[in-house]
Amino acid sequence: YIDPPYNTGAKDWKYNNDYVESEDLYRHSKWLAFMER
């Protein structure tokens, strides 16, 4: 059972030590790569 970060763009998770914000053009693909691994 998992409840992963929802990727709302509100600094709710990090990718490579950086918070992913709503303005990030690669926001969704970063999340998908994060989840896929």
PDB file of all heavy atoms in Angstrom:
ATOM      1  N   TYR A   1       0.872  -1.179   0.000  1.00  0.00           N
ATOM      2  CA  TYR A   1       0.000   0.000   0.000  1.00  0.00           C
ATOM      3  C   TYR A   1       0.903   1.223   0.000  1.00  0.00           C
ATOM      4  O   TYR A   1       1.771   1.356   0.883  1.00  0.00           O
ATOM      5  CB  TYR A   1      -0.907   0.034   1.231  1.00  0.00           C
ATOM      6  CG  TYR A   1      -1.711   1.322   1.317  1.00  0.00           C
ATOM      7  CD1 TYR A   1      -2.992   1.389   0.796  1.00  0.00           C
ATOM      8  CD2 TYR A   1      -1.166   2.473   1.885  1.00  0.00           C
ATOM      9  CE1 TYR A   1      -3.726   2.569   0.847  1.00  0.00           C
ATOM     10  CE2 TYR A   1      -1.886   3.666   1.926  1.00  0.00           C
ATOM     11  CZ  TYR A   1      -3.159   3.699   1.412  1.00  0.00           C
ATOM     12  OH  TYR A   1      -3.864   4.874   1.448  1.00  0.00           O
ATOM     13  N   ILE A   2       0.723   2.107  -0.982  1.00  0.00           N
ATOM     14  CA  ILE A   2       1.543   3.320  -1.022  1.00  0.00           C
ATOM     15  C   ILE A   2       0.673   4.542  -1.284  1.00  0.00           C
ATOM     16  O   ILE A   2      -0.340   4.469  -1.981  1.00  0.00           O
ATOM     17  CB  ILE A   2       2.667   3.244  -2.082  1.00  0.00           C
ATOM     18  CG1 ILE A   2       2.106   2.877  -3.461  1.00  0.00           C
ATOM     19  CG2 ILE A   2       3.755   2.284  -1.652  1.00  0.00           C
ATOM     20  CD1 ILE A   2       3.150   2.935  -4.566  1.00  0.00           C
ATOM     21  N   ASP A   3       1.096   5.646  -0.711  1.00  0.00           N
ATOM     22  CA  ASP A   3       0.456   6.948  -0.886  1.00  0.00           C
ATOM     23  C   ASP A   3       1.572   7.911  -1.284  1.00  0.00           C
ATOM     24  O   ASP A   3       2.087   8.659  -0.456  1.00  0.00           O
ATOM     25  CB  ASP A   3      -0.206   7.356   0.442  1.00  0.00           C
ATOM     26  CG  ASP A   3      -0.946   8.674   0.335  1.00  0.00           C
ATOM     27  OD1 ASP A   3      -1.315   9.056  -0.789  1.00  0.00           O
ATOM     28  OD2 ASP A   3      -1.145   9.325   1.376  1.00  0.00           O
ATOM     29  N   PRO A   4       2.005   7.865  -2.562  1.00  0.00           N
ATOM     30  CA  PRO A   4       3.183   8.629  -2.978  1.00  0.00           C
ATOM     31  C   PRO A   4       2.926  10.121  -3.026  1.00  0.00           C
ATOM     32  O   PRO A   4       1.773  10.571  -2.910  1.00  0.00           O
ATOM     33  CB  PRO A   4       3.461   8.076  -4.386  1.00  0.00           C
ATOM     34  CG  PRO A   4       2.122   7.657  -4.889  1.00  0.00           C
ATOM     35  CD  PRO A   4       1.388   7.140  -3.678  1.00  0.00           C
ATOM     36  N   PRO A   5       3.972  10.939  -3.214  1.00  0.00           N
ATOM     37  CA  PRO A   5       3.753  12.381  -3.387  1.00  0.00           C
ATOM     38  C   PRO A   5       2.800  12.631  -4.553  1.00  0.00           C
ATOM     39  O   PRO A   5       2.903  11.979  -5.597  1.00  0.00           O
ATOM     40  CB  PRO A   5       5.160  12.915  -3.693  1.00  0.00           C
ATOM     41  CG  PRO A   5       6.097  11.884  -3.173  1.00  0.00           C
ATOM     42  CD  PRO A   5       5.401  10.575  -3.307  1.00  0.00           C
ATOM     43  N   TYR A   6       1.892  13.570  -4.371  1.00  0.00           N
ATOM     44  CA  TYR A   6       0.871  13.803  -5.396  1.00  0.00           C
ATOM     45  C   TYR A   6       1.334  14.755  -6.494  1.00  0.00           C
ATOM     46  O   TYR A   6       0.614  14.984  -7.462  1.00  0.00           O
ATOM     47  CB  TYR A   6      -0.409  14.335  -4.741  1.00  0.00           C
ATOM     48  CG  TYR A   6      -1.208  13.274  -4.019  1.00  0.00           C
ATOM     49  CD1 TYR A   6      -2.369  13.598  -3.336  1.00  0.00           C
ATOM     50  CD2 TYR A   6      -0.795  11.936  -4.014  1.00  0.00           C
ATOM     51  CE1 TYR A   6      -3.110  12.626  -2.680  1.00  0.00           C
ATOM     52  CE2 TYR A   6      -1.523  10.970  -3.354  1.00  0.00           C
ATOM     53  CZ  TYR A   6      -2.677  11.312  -2.689  1.00  0.00           C
ATOM     54  OH  TYR A   6      -3.396  10.345  -2.040  1.00  0.00           O
ATOM     55  N   ASN A   7       2.522  15.330  -6.330  1.00  0.00           N
ATOM     56  CA  ASN A   7       3.090  16.208  -7.353  1.00  0.00           C
ATOM     57  C   ASN A   7       2.162  17.375  -7.665  1.00  0.00           C
ATOM     58  O   ASN A   7       1.827  17.641  -8.822  1.00  0.00           O
ATOM     59  CB  ASN A   7       3.404  15.413  -8.634  1.00  0.00           C
ATOM     60  CG  ASN A   7       4.354  16.169  -9.558  1.00  0.00           C
ATOM     61  OD1 ASN A   7       5.044  17.086  -9.147  1.00  0.00           O
ATOM     62  ND2 ASN A   7       4.376  15.772 -10.822  1.00  0.00           N
ATOM     63  N   THR A   8       1.772  18.071  -6.617  1.00  0.00           N
ATOM     64  CA  THR A   8       0.865  19.208  -6.771  1.00  0.00           C
ATOM     65  C   THR A   8       1.585  20.467  -7.241  1.00  0.00           C
ATOM     66  O   THR A   8       0.940  21.458  -7.596  1.00  0.00           O
ATOM     67  CB  THR A   8       0.184  19.522  -5.430  1.00  0.00           C
ATOM     68  OG1 THR A   8       1.189  19.925  -4.482  1.00  0.00           O
ATOM     69  CG2 THR A   8      -0.565  18.310  -4.904  1.00  0.00           C
ATOM     70  N   GLY A   9       2.916  20.439  -7.205  1.00  0.00           N
ATOM     71  CA  GLY A   9       3.689  21.635  -7.523  1.00  0.00           C
ATOM     72  C   GLY A   9       3.918  22.524  -6.331  1.00  0.00           C
ATOM     73  O   GLY A   9       4.493  23.606  -6.451  1.00  0.00           O
ATOM     74  N   ALA A  10       3.506  22.062  -5.162  1.00  0.00           N
ATOM     75  CA  ALA A  10       3.605  22.883  -3.944  1.00  0.00           C
ATOM     76  C   ALA A  10       4.754  22.413  -3.057  1.00  0.00           C
ATOM     77  O   ALA A  10       4.628  22.368  -1.840  1.00  0.00           O
ATOM     78  CB  ALA A  10       2.296  22.831  -3.176  1.00  0.00           C
ATOM     79  N   LYS A  11       5.873  22.056  -3.666  1.00  0.00           N
ATOM     80  CA  LYS A  11       7.061  21.606  -2.932  1.00  0.00           C
ATOM     81  C   LYS A  11       6.740  20.434  -2.001  1.00  0.00           C
ATOM     82  O   LYS A  11       7.140  20.416  -0.840  1.00  0.00           O
ATOM     83  CB  LYS A  11       7.673  22.755  -2.124  1.00  0.00           C
ATOM     84  CG  LYS A  11       8.285  23.859  -2.974  1.00  0.00           C
ATOM     85  CD  LYS A  11       9.020  24.888  -2.116  1.00  0.00           C
ATOM     86  CE  LYS A  11       9.704  25.941  -2.968  1.00  0.00           C
ATOM     87  NZ  LYS A  11      10.451  26.914  -2.159  1.00  0.00           N
ATOM     88  N   ASP A  12       5.992  19.450  -2.525  1.00  0.00           N
ATOM     89  CA  ASP A  12       5.650  18.305  -1.682  1.00  0.00           C
ATOM     90  C   ASP A  12       6.588  17.119  -1.881  1.00  0.00           C
ATOM     91  O   ASP A  12       6.418  16.095  -1.255  1.00  0.00           O
ATOM     92  CB  ASP A  12       4.189  17.883  -1.920  1.00  0.00           C
ATOM     93  CG  ASP A  12       3.916  17.527  -3.382  1.00  0.00           C
ATOM     94  OD1 ASP A  12       4.737  17.872  -4.239  1.00  0.00           O
ATOM     95  OD2 ASP A  12       2.866  16.899  -3.643  1.00  0.00           O
ATOM     96  N   TRP A  13       7.575  17.269  -2.792  1.00  0.00           N
ATOM     97  CA  TRP A  13       8.570  16.199  -2.920  1.00  0.00           C
ATOM     98  C   TRP A  13       9.804  16.728  -3.648  1.00  0.00           C
ATOM     99  O   TRP A  13       9.771  17.761  -4.308  1.00  0.00           O
ATOM    100  CB  TRP A  13       7.991  14.981  -3.646  1.00  0.00           C
ATOM    101  CG  TRP A  13       7.728  15.184  -5.116  1.00  0.00           C
ATOM    102  CD1 TRP A  13       6.734  15.926  -5.669  1.00  0.00           C
ATOM    103  CD2 TRP A  13       8.491  14.653  -6.201  1.00  0.00           C
ATOM    104  NE1 TRP A  13       6.807  15.877  -7.025  1.00  0.00           N
ATOM    105  CE2 TRP A  13       7.863  15.105  -7.395  1.00  0.00           C
ATOM    106  CE3 TRP A  13       9.604  13.830  -6.300  1.00  0.00           C
ATOM    107  CZ2 TRP A  13       8.344  14.768  -8.657  1.00  0.00           C
ATOM    108  CZ3 TRP A  13      10.075  13.491  -7.558  1.00  0.00           C
ATOM    109  CH2 TRP A  13       9.451  13.954  -8.712  1.00  0.00           C
ATOM    110  N   LYS A  14      10.898  15.990  -3.500  1.00  0.00           N
ATOM    111  CA  LYS A  14      12.177  16.383  -4.088  1.00  0.00           C
ATOM    112  C   LYS A  14      12.584  15.421  -5.192  1.00  0.00           C
ATOM    113  O   LYS A  14      12.293  14.230  -5.136  1.00  0.00           O
ATOM    114  CB  LYS A  14      13.283  16.384  -3.022  1.00  0.00           C
ATOM    115  CG  LYS A  14      13.328  17.599  -2.132  1.00  0.00           C
ATOM    116  CD  LYS A  14      14.523  17.518  -1.195  1.00  0.00           C
ATOM    117  CE  LYS A  14      14.684  18.790  -0.370  1.00  0.00           C
ATOM    118  NZ  LYS A  14      15.877  18.721   0.510  1.00  0.00           N
ATOM    119  N   TYR A  15      13.273  15.968  -6.194  1.00  0.00           N
ATOM    120  CA  TYR A  15      13.936  15.146  -7.205  1.00  0.00           C
ATOM    121  C   TYR A  15      15.359  15.658  -7.315  1.00  0.00           C
ATOM    122  O   TYR A  15      15.579  16.834  -7.596  1.00  0.00           O
ATOM    123  CB  TYR A  15      13.223  15.246  -8.553  1.00  0.00           C
ATOM    124  CG  TYR A  15      13.714  14.240  -9.570  1.00  0.00           C
ATOM    125  CD1 TYR A  15      13.113  12.984  -9.661  1.00  0.00           C
ATOM    126  CD2 TYR A  15      14.777  14.525 -10.406  1.00  0.00           C
ATOM    127  CE1 TYR A  15      13.560  12.049 -10.578  1.00  0.00           C
ATOM    128  CE2 TYR A  15      15.232  13.593 -11.318  1.00  0.00           C
ATOM    129  CZ  TYR A  15      14.629  12.356 -11.413  1.00  0.00           C
ATOM    130  OH  TYR A  15      15.078  11.424 -12.317  1.00  0.00           O
ATOM    131  N   ASN A  16      16.317  14.784  -7.045  1.00  0.00           N
ATOM    132  CA  ASN A  16      17.727  15.186  -7.043  1.00  0.00           C
ATOM    133  C   ASN A  16      17.993  16.380  -6.131  1.00  0.00           C
ATOM    134  O   ASN A  16      18.620  17.365  -6.513  1.00  0.00           O
ATOM    135  CB  ASN A  16      18.209  15.496  -8.464  1.00  0.00           C
ATOM    136  CG  ASN A  16      18.669  14.265  -9.189  1.00  0.00           C
ATOM    137  OD1 ASN A  16      18.958  13.245  -8.569  1.00  0.00           O
ATOM    138  ND2 ASN A  16      18.735  14.338 -10.498  1.00  0.00           N
ATOM    139  N   ASN A  17      17.473  16.269  -4.903  1.00  0.00           N
ATOM    140  CA  ASN A  17      17.732  17.245  -3.856  1.00  0.00           C
ATOM    141  C   ASN A  17      17.091  18.605  -4.107  1.00  0.00           C
ATOM    142  O   ASN A  17      17.394  19.571  -3.425  1.00  0.00           O
ATOM    143  CB  ASN A  17      19.252  17.431  -3.643  1.00  0.00           C
ATOM    144  CG  ASN A  17      19.577  17.901  -2.241  1.00  0.00           C
ATOM    145  OD1 ASN A  17      18.994  17.427  -1.274  1.00  0.00           O
ATOM    146  ND2 ASN A  17      20.492  18.844  -2.122  1.00  0.00           N
ATOM    147  N   ASP A  18      16.210  18.711  -5.110  1.00  0.00           N
ATOM    148  CA  ASP A  18      15.506  19.960  -5.382  1.00  0.00           C
ATOM    149  C   ASP A  18      14.009  19.723  -5.290  1.00  0.00           C
ATOM    150  O   ASP A  18      13.497  18.734  -5.830  1.00  0.00           O
ATOM    151  CB  ASP A  18      15.826  20.482  -6.798  1.00  0.00           C
ATOM    152  CG  ASP A  18      17.213  21.086  -6.881  1.00  0.00           C
ATOM    153  OD1 ASP A  18      17.693  21.582  -5.851  1.00  0.00           O
ATOM    154  OD2 ASP A  18      17.810  21.056  -7.971  1.00  0.00           O
ATOM    155  N   TYR A  19      13.297  20.659  -4.648  1.00  0.00           N
ATOM    156  CA  TYR A  19      11.845  20.566  -4.632  1.00  0.00           C
ATOM    157  C   TYR A  19      11.304  20.830  -6.041  1.00  0.00           C
ATOM    158  O   TYR A  19      11.771  21.738  -6.736  1.00  0.00           O
ATOM    159  CB  TYR A  19      11.245  21.562  -3.646  1.00  0.00           C
ATOM    160  CG  TYR A  19      11.395  21.133  -2.212  1.00  0.00           C
ATOM    161  CD1 TYR A  19      12.347  21.719  -1.381  1.00  0.00           C
ATOM    162  CD2 TYR A  19      10.600  20.115  -1.692  1.00  0.00           C
ATOM    163  CE1 TYR A  19      12.499  21.309  -0.064  1.00  0.00           C
ATOM    164  CE2 TYR A  19      10.742  19.698  -0.379  1.00  0.00           C
ATOM    165  CZ  TYR A  19      11.691  20.291   0.426  1.00  0.00           C
ATOM    166  OH  TYR A  19      11.843  19.869   1.724  1.00  0.00           O
ATOM    167  N   VAL A  20      10.342  20.029  -6.463  1.00  0.00           N
ATOM    168  CA  VAL A  20       9.736  20.180  -7.778  1.00  0.00           C
ATOM    169  C   VAL A  20       8.532  21.104  -7.646  1.00  0.00           C
ATOM    170  O   VAL A  20       7.587  20.812  -6.910  1.00  0.00           O
ATOM    171  CB  VAL A  20       9.315  18.810  -8.353  1.00  0.00           C
ATOM    172  CG1 VAL A  20       8.665  18.988  -9.725  1.00  0.00           C
ATOM    173  CG2 VAL A  20      10.532  17.896  -8.457  1.00  0.00           C
ATOM    174  N   GLU A  21       8.565  22.230  -8.371  1.00  0.00           N
ATOM    175  CA  GLU A  21       7.508  23.228  -8.271  1.00  0.00           C
ATOM    176  C   GLU A  21       6.638  23.223  -9.523  1.00  0.00           C
ATOM    177  O   GLU A  21       6.979  22.602 -10.538  1.00  0.00           O
ATOM    178  CB  GLU A  21       8.129  24.612  -8.039  1.00  0.00           C
ATOM    179  CG  GLU A  21       9.000  24.663  -6.783  1.00  0.00           C
ATOM    180  CD  GLU A  21       9.474  26.060  -6.460  1.00  0.00           C
ATOM    181  OE1 GLU A  21       8.613  26.955  -6.325  1.00  0.00           O
ATOM    182  OE2 GLU A  21      10.681  26.261  -6.332  1.00  0.00           O
ATOM    183  N   SER A  22       5.521  23.909  -9.463  1.00  0.00           N
ATOM    184  CA  SER A  22       4.538  23.876 -10.547  1.00  0.00           C
ATOM    185  C   SER A  22       5.090  24.448 -11.848  1.00  0.00           C
ATOM    186  O   SER A  22       4.643  24.089 -12.934  1.00  0.00           O
ATOM    187  CB  SER A  22       3.278  24.634 -10.132  1.00  0.00           C
ATOM    188  OG  SER A  22       3.598  25.970  -9.781  1.00  0.00           O
ATOM    189  N   GLU A  23       6.090  25.348 -11.772  1.00  0.00           N
ATOM    190  CA  GLU A  23       6.641  25.960 -12.981  1.00  0.00           C
ATOM    191  C   GLU A  23       7.659  25.063 -13.681  1.00  0.00           C
ATOM    192  O   GLU A  23       8.106  25.373 -14.782  1.00  0.00           O
ATOM    193  CB  GLU A  23       7.316  27.298 -12.641  1.00  0.00           C
ATOM    194  CG  GLU A  23       6.364  28.375 -12.142  1.00  0.00           C
ATOM    195  CD  GLU A  23       6.033  28.212 -10.665  1.00  0.00           C
ATOM    196  OE1 GLU A  23       6.703  27.399  -9.994  1.00  0.00           O
ATOM    197  OE2 GLU A  23       5.089  28.881 -10.193  1.00  0.00           O
ATOM    198  N   ASP A  24       8.039  23.966 -13.063  1.00  0.00           N
ATOM    199  CA  ASP A  24       9.038  23.074 -13.646  1.00  0.00           C
ATOM    200  C   ASP A  24       8.461  22.416 -14.902  1.00  0.00           C
ATOM    201  O   ASP A  24       7.474  21.683 -14.844  1.00  0.00           O
ATOM    202  CB  ASP A  24       9.427  22.005 -12.618  1.00  0.00           C
ATOM    203  CG  ASP A  24      10.650  21.204 -13.048  1.00  0.00           C
ATOM    204  OD1 ASP A  24      10.820  20.976 -14.258  1.00  0.00           O
ATOM    205  OD2 ASP A  24      11.418  20.800 -12.161  1.00  0.00           O
ATOM    206  N   LEU A  25       9.088  22.653 -16.076  1.00  0.00           N
ATOM    207  CA  LEU A  25       8.588  22.098 -17.331  1.00  0.00           C
ATOM    208  C   LEU A  25       8.646  20.579 -17.355  1.00  0.00           C
ATOM    209  O   LEU A  25       7.911  19.938 -18.105  1.00  0.00           O
ATOM    210  CB  LEU A  25       9.388  22.667 -18.508  1.00  0.00           C
ATOM    211  CG  LEU A  25       9.251  24.177 -18.755  1.00  0.00           C
ATOM    212  CD1 LEU A  25      10.128  24.609 -19.918  1.00  0.00           C
ATOM    213  CD2 LEU A  25       7.797  24.542 -19.021  1.00  0.00           C
ATOM    214  N   TYR A  26       9.523  20.004 -16.537  1.00  0.00           N
ATOM    215  CA  TYR A  26       9.684  18.555 -16.519  1.00  0.00           C
ATOM    216  C   TYR A  26       9.054  17.931 -15.269  1.00  0.00           C
ATOM    217  O   TYR A  26       9.393  16.828 -14.880  1.00  0.00           O
ATOM    218  CB  TYR A  26      11.172  18.185 -16.590  1.00  0.00           C
ATOM    219  CG  TYR A  26      11.787  18.481 -17.935  1.00  0.00           C
ATOM    220  CD1 TYR A  26      12.415  19.691 -18.179  1.00  0.00           C
ATOM    221  CD2 TYR A  26      11.716  17.556 -18.967  1.00  0.00           C
ATOM    222  CE1 TYR A  26      12.972  19.979 -19.412  1.00  0.00           C
ATOM    223  CE2 TYR A  26      12.277  17.821 -20.206  1.00  0.00           C
ATOM    224  CZ  TYR A  26      12.904  19.038 -20.420  1.00  0.00           C
ATOM    225  OH  TYR A  26      13.436  19.298 -21.649  1.00  0.00           O
ATOM    226  N   ARG A  27       8.127  18.684 -14.675  1.00  0.00           N
ATOM    227  CA  ARG A  27       7.530  18.240 -13.412  1.00  0.00           C
ATOM    228  C   ARG A  27       6.921  16.839 -13.513  1.00  0.00           C
ATOM    229  O   ARG A  27       7.166  15.975 -12.669  1.00  0.00           O
ATOM    230  CB  ARG A  27       6.473  19.260 -12.992  1.00  0.00           C
ATOM    231  CG  ARG A  27       5.563  18.845 -11.856  1.00  0.00           C
ATOM    232  CD  ARG A  27       4.552  19.949 -11.597  1.00  0.00           C
ATOM    233  NE  ARG A  27       3.292  19.428 -11.123  1.00  0.00           N
ATOM    234  CZ  ARG A  27       2.134  20.069 -11.230  1.00  0.00           C
ATOM    235  NH1 ARG A  27       2.102  21.253 -11.811  1.00  0.00           N
ATOM    236  NH2 ARG A  27       1.039  19.529 -10.766  1.00  0.00           N
ATOM    237  N   HIS A  28       6.140  16.586 -14.543  1.00  0.00           N
ATOM    238  CA  HIS A  28       5.448  15.306 -14.646  1.00  0.00           C
ATOM    239  C   HIS A  28       6.395  14.171 -15.028  1.00  0.00           C
ATOM    240  O   HIS A  28       6.289  13.063 -14.504  1.00  0.00           O
ATOM    241  CB  HIS A  28       4.295  15.405 -15.643  1.00  0.00           C
ATOM    242  CG  HIS A  28       3.245  16.386 -15.246  1.00  0.00           C
ATOM    243  ND1 HIS A  28       2.472  16.220 -14.114  1.00  0.00           N
ATOM    244  CD2 HIS A  28       2.854  17.563 -15.802  1.00  0.00           C
ATOM    245  CE1 HIS A  28       1.636  17.254 -13.998  1.00  0.00           C
ATOM    246  NE2 HIS A  28       1.853  18.073 -15.006  1.00  0.00           N
ATOM    247  N   SER A  29       7.328  14.437 -15.926  1.00  0.00           N
ATOM    248  CA  SER A  29       8.233  13.360 -16.316  1.00  0.00           C
ATOM    249  C   SER A  29       9.206  13.018 -15.189  1.00  0.00           C
ATOM    250  O   SER A  29       9.607  11.865 -15.033  1.00  0.00           O
ATOM    251  CB  SER A  29       8.988  13.719 -17.600  1.00  0.00           C
ATOM    252  OG  SER A  29       9.768  14.879 -17.426  1.00  0.00           O
ATOM    253  N   LYS A  30       9.579  14.011 -14.371  1.00  0.00           N
ATOM    254  CA  LYS A  30      10.408  13.704 -13.205  1.00  0.00           C
ATOM    255  C   LYS A  30       9.655  12.776 -12.251  1.00  0.00           C
ATOM    256  O   LYS A  30      10.213  11.823 -11.708  1.00  0.00           O
ATOM    257  CB  LYS A  30      10.812  14.995 -12.480  1.00  0.00           C
ATOM    258  CG  LYS A  30      11.892  15.792 -13.184  1.00  0.00           C
ATOM    259  CD  LYS A  30      12.236  17.057 -12.402  1.00  0.00           C
ATOM    260  CE  LYS A  30      13.349  17.841 -13.082  1.00  0.00           C
ATOM    261  NZ  LYS A  30      13.677  19.095 -12.341  1.00  0.00           N
ATOM    262  N   TRP A  31       8.378  13.083 -12.046  1.00  0.00           N
ATOM    263  CA  TRP A  31       7.569  12.257 -11.144  1.00  0.00           C
ATOM    264  C   TRP A  31       7.436  10.837 -11.685  1.00  0.00           C
ATOM    265  O   TRP A  31       7.531   9.861 -10.943  1.00  0.00           O
ATOM    266  CB  TRP A  31       6.192  12.900 -10.967  1.00  0.00           C
ATOM    267  CG  TRP A  31       5.339  12.251  -9.916  1.00  0.00           C
ATOM    268  CD1 TRP A  31       5.333  12.539  -8.581  1.00  0.00           C
ATOM    269  CD2 TRP A  31       4.372  11.219 -10.117  1.00  0.00           C
ATOM    270  NE1 TRP A  31       4.416  11.745  -7.928  1.00  0.00           N
ATOM    271  CE2 TRP A  31       3.816  10.926  -8.843  1.00  0.00           C
ATOM    272  CE3 TRP A  31       3.928  10.518 -11.223  1.00  0.00           C
ATOM    273  CZ2 TRP A  31       2.835   9.953  -8.671  1.00  0.00           C
ATOM    274  CZ3 TRP A  31       2.948   9.547 -11.049  1.00  0.00           C
ATOM    275  CH2 TRP A  31       2.409   9.273  -9.781  1.00  0.00           C
ATOM    276  N   LEU A  32       7.219  10.703 -12.983  1.00  0.00           N
ATOM    277  CA  LEU A  32       7.073   9.381 -13.582  1.00  0.00           C
ATOM    278  C   LEU A  32       8.374   8.584 -13.481  1.00  0.00           C
ATOM    279  O   LEU A  32       8.360   7.383 -13.188  1.00  0.00           O
ATOM    280  CB  LEU A  32       6.642   9.512 -15.043  1.00  0.00           C
ATOM    281  CG  LEU A  32       5.190   9.955 -15.254  1.00  0.00           C
ATOM    282  CD1 LEU A  32       4.961  10.372 -16.699  1.00  0.00           C
ATOM    283  CD2 LEU A  32       4.228   8.836 -14.866  1.00  0.00           C
ATOM    284  N   ALA A  33       9.508   9.257 -13.723  1.00  0.00           N
ATOM    285  CA  ALA A  33      10.795   8.569 -13.592  1.00  0.00           C
ATOM    286  C   ALA A  33      11.026   8.136 -12.151  1.00  0.00           C
ATOM    287  O   ALA A  33      11.498   7.023 -11.882  1.00  0.00           O
ATOM    288  CB  ALA A  33      11.920   9.491 -14.064  1.00  0.00           C
ATOM    289  N   PHE A  34      10.701   9.025 -11.229  1.00  0.00           N
ATOM    290  CA  PHE A  34      10.807   8.751  -9.792  1.00  0.00           C
ATOM    291  C   PHE A  34       9.978   7.525  -9.409  1.00  0.00           C
ATOM    292  O   PHE A  34      10.439   6.617  -8.713  1.00  0.00           O
ATOM    293  CB  PHE A  34      10.332  10.012  -9.061  1.00  0.00           C
ATOM    294  CG  PHE A  34      10.095   9.896  -7.587  1.00  0.00           C
ATOM    295  CD1 PHE A  34      11.121  10.101  -6.689  1.00  0.00           C
ATOM    296  CD2 PHE A  34       8.819   9.631  -7.092  1.00  0.00           C
ATOM    297  CE1 PHE A  34      10.895  10.039  -5.321  1.00  0.00           C
ATOM    298  CE2 PHE A  34       8.577   9.562  -5.735  1.00  0.00           C
ATOM    299  CZ  PHE A  34       9.618   9.768  -4.841  1.00  0.00           C
ATOM    300  N   MET A  35       8.735   7.479  -9.868  1.00  0.00           N
ATOM    301  CA  MET A  35       7.844   6.376  -9.533  1.00  0.00           C
ATOM    302  C   MET A  35       8.249   5.081 -10.230  1.00  0.00           C
ATOM    303  O   MET A  35       8.207   3.995  -9.634  1.00  0.00           O
ATOM    304  CB  MET A  35       6.401   6.736  -9.895  1.00  0.00           C
ATOM    305  CG  MET A  35       5.773   7.793  -9.000  1.00  0.00           C
ATOM    306  SD  MET A  35       5.605   7.232  -7.288  1.00  0.00           S
ATOM    307  CE  MET A  35       4.471   5.860  -7.480  1.00  0.00           C
ATOM    308  N   GLU A  36       8.612   5.172 -11.504  1.00  0.00           N
ATOM    309  CA  GLU A  36       8.934   3.963 -12.263  1.00  0.00           C
ATOM    310  C   GLU A  36      10.080   3.186 -11.616  1.00  0.00           C
ATOM    311  O   GLU A  36      10.027   1.958 -11.505  1.00  0.00           O
ATOM    312  CB  GLU A  36       9.299   4.332 -13.700  1.00  0.00           C
ATOM    313  CG  GLU A  36       9.575   3.102 -14.572  1.00  0.00           C
ATOM    314  CD  GLU A  36      10.077   3.479 -15.946  1.00  0.00           C
ATOM    315  OE1 GLU A  36      10.951   4.377 -16.042  1.00  0.00           O
ATOM    316  OE2 GLU A  36       9.622   2.871 -16.932  1.00  0.00           O
ATOM    317  N   ARG A  37      11.129   3.901 -11.178  1.00  0.00           N
ATOM    318  CA  ARG A  37      12.277   3.223 -10.569  1.00  0.00           C
ATOM    319  C   ARG A  37      11.853   2.421  -9.341  1.00  0.00           C
ATOM    320  O   ARG A  37      12.317   1.306  -9.118  1.00  0.00           O
ATOM    321  CB  ARG A  37      13.339   4.248 -10.189  1.00  0.00           C
ATOM    322  CG  ARG A  37      14.008   4.920 -11.380  1.00  0.00           C
ATOM    323  CD  ARG A  37      15.147   5.831 -10.932  1.00  0.00           C
ATOM    324  NE  ARG A  37      15.755   6.456 -12.088  1.00  0.00           N
ATOM    325  CZ  ARG A  37      15.687   7.766 -12.370  1.00  0.00           C
ATOM    326  NH1 ARG A  37      15.038   8.570 -11.548  1.00  0.00           N
ATOM    327  NH2 ARG A  37      16.256   8.252 -13.446  1.00  0.00           N
TER     328      ARG A  37
END
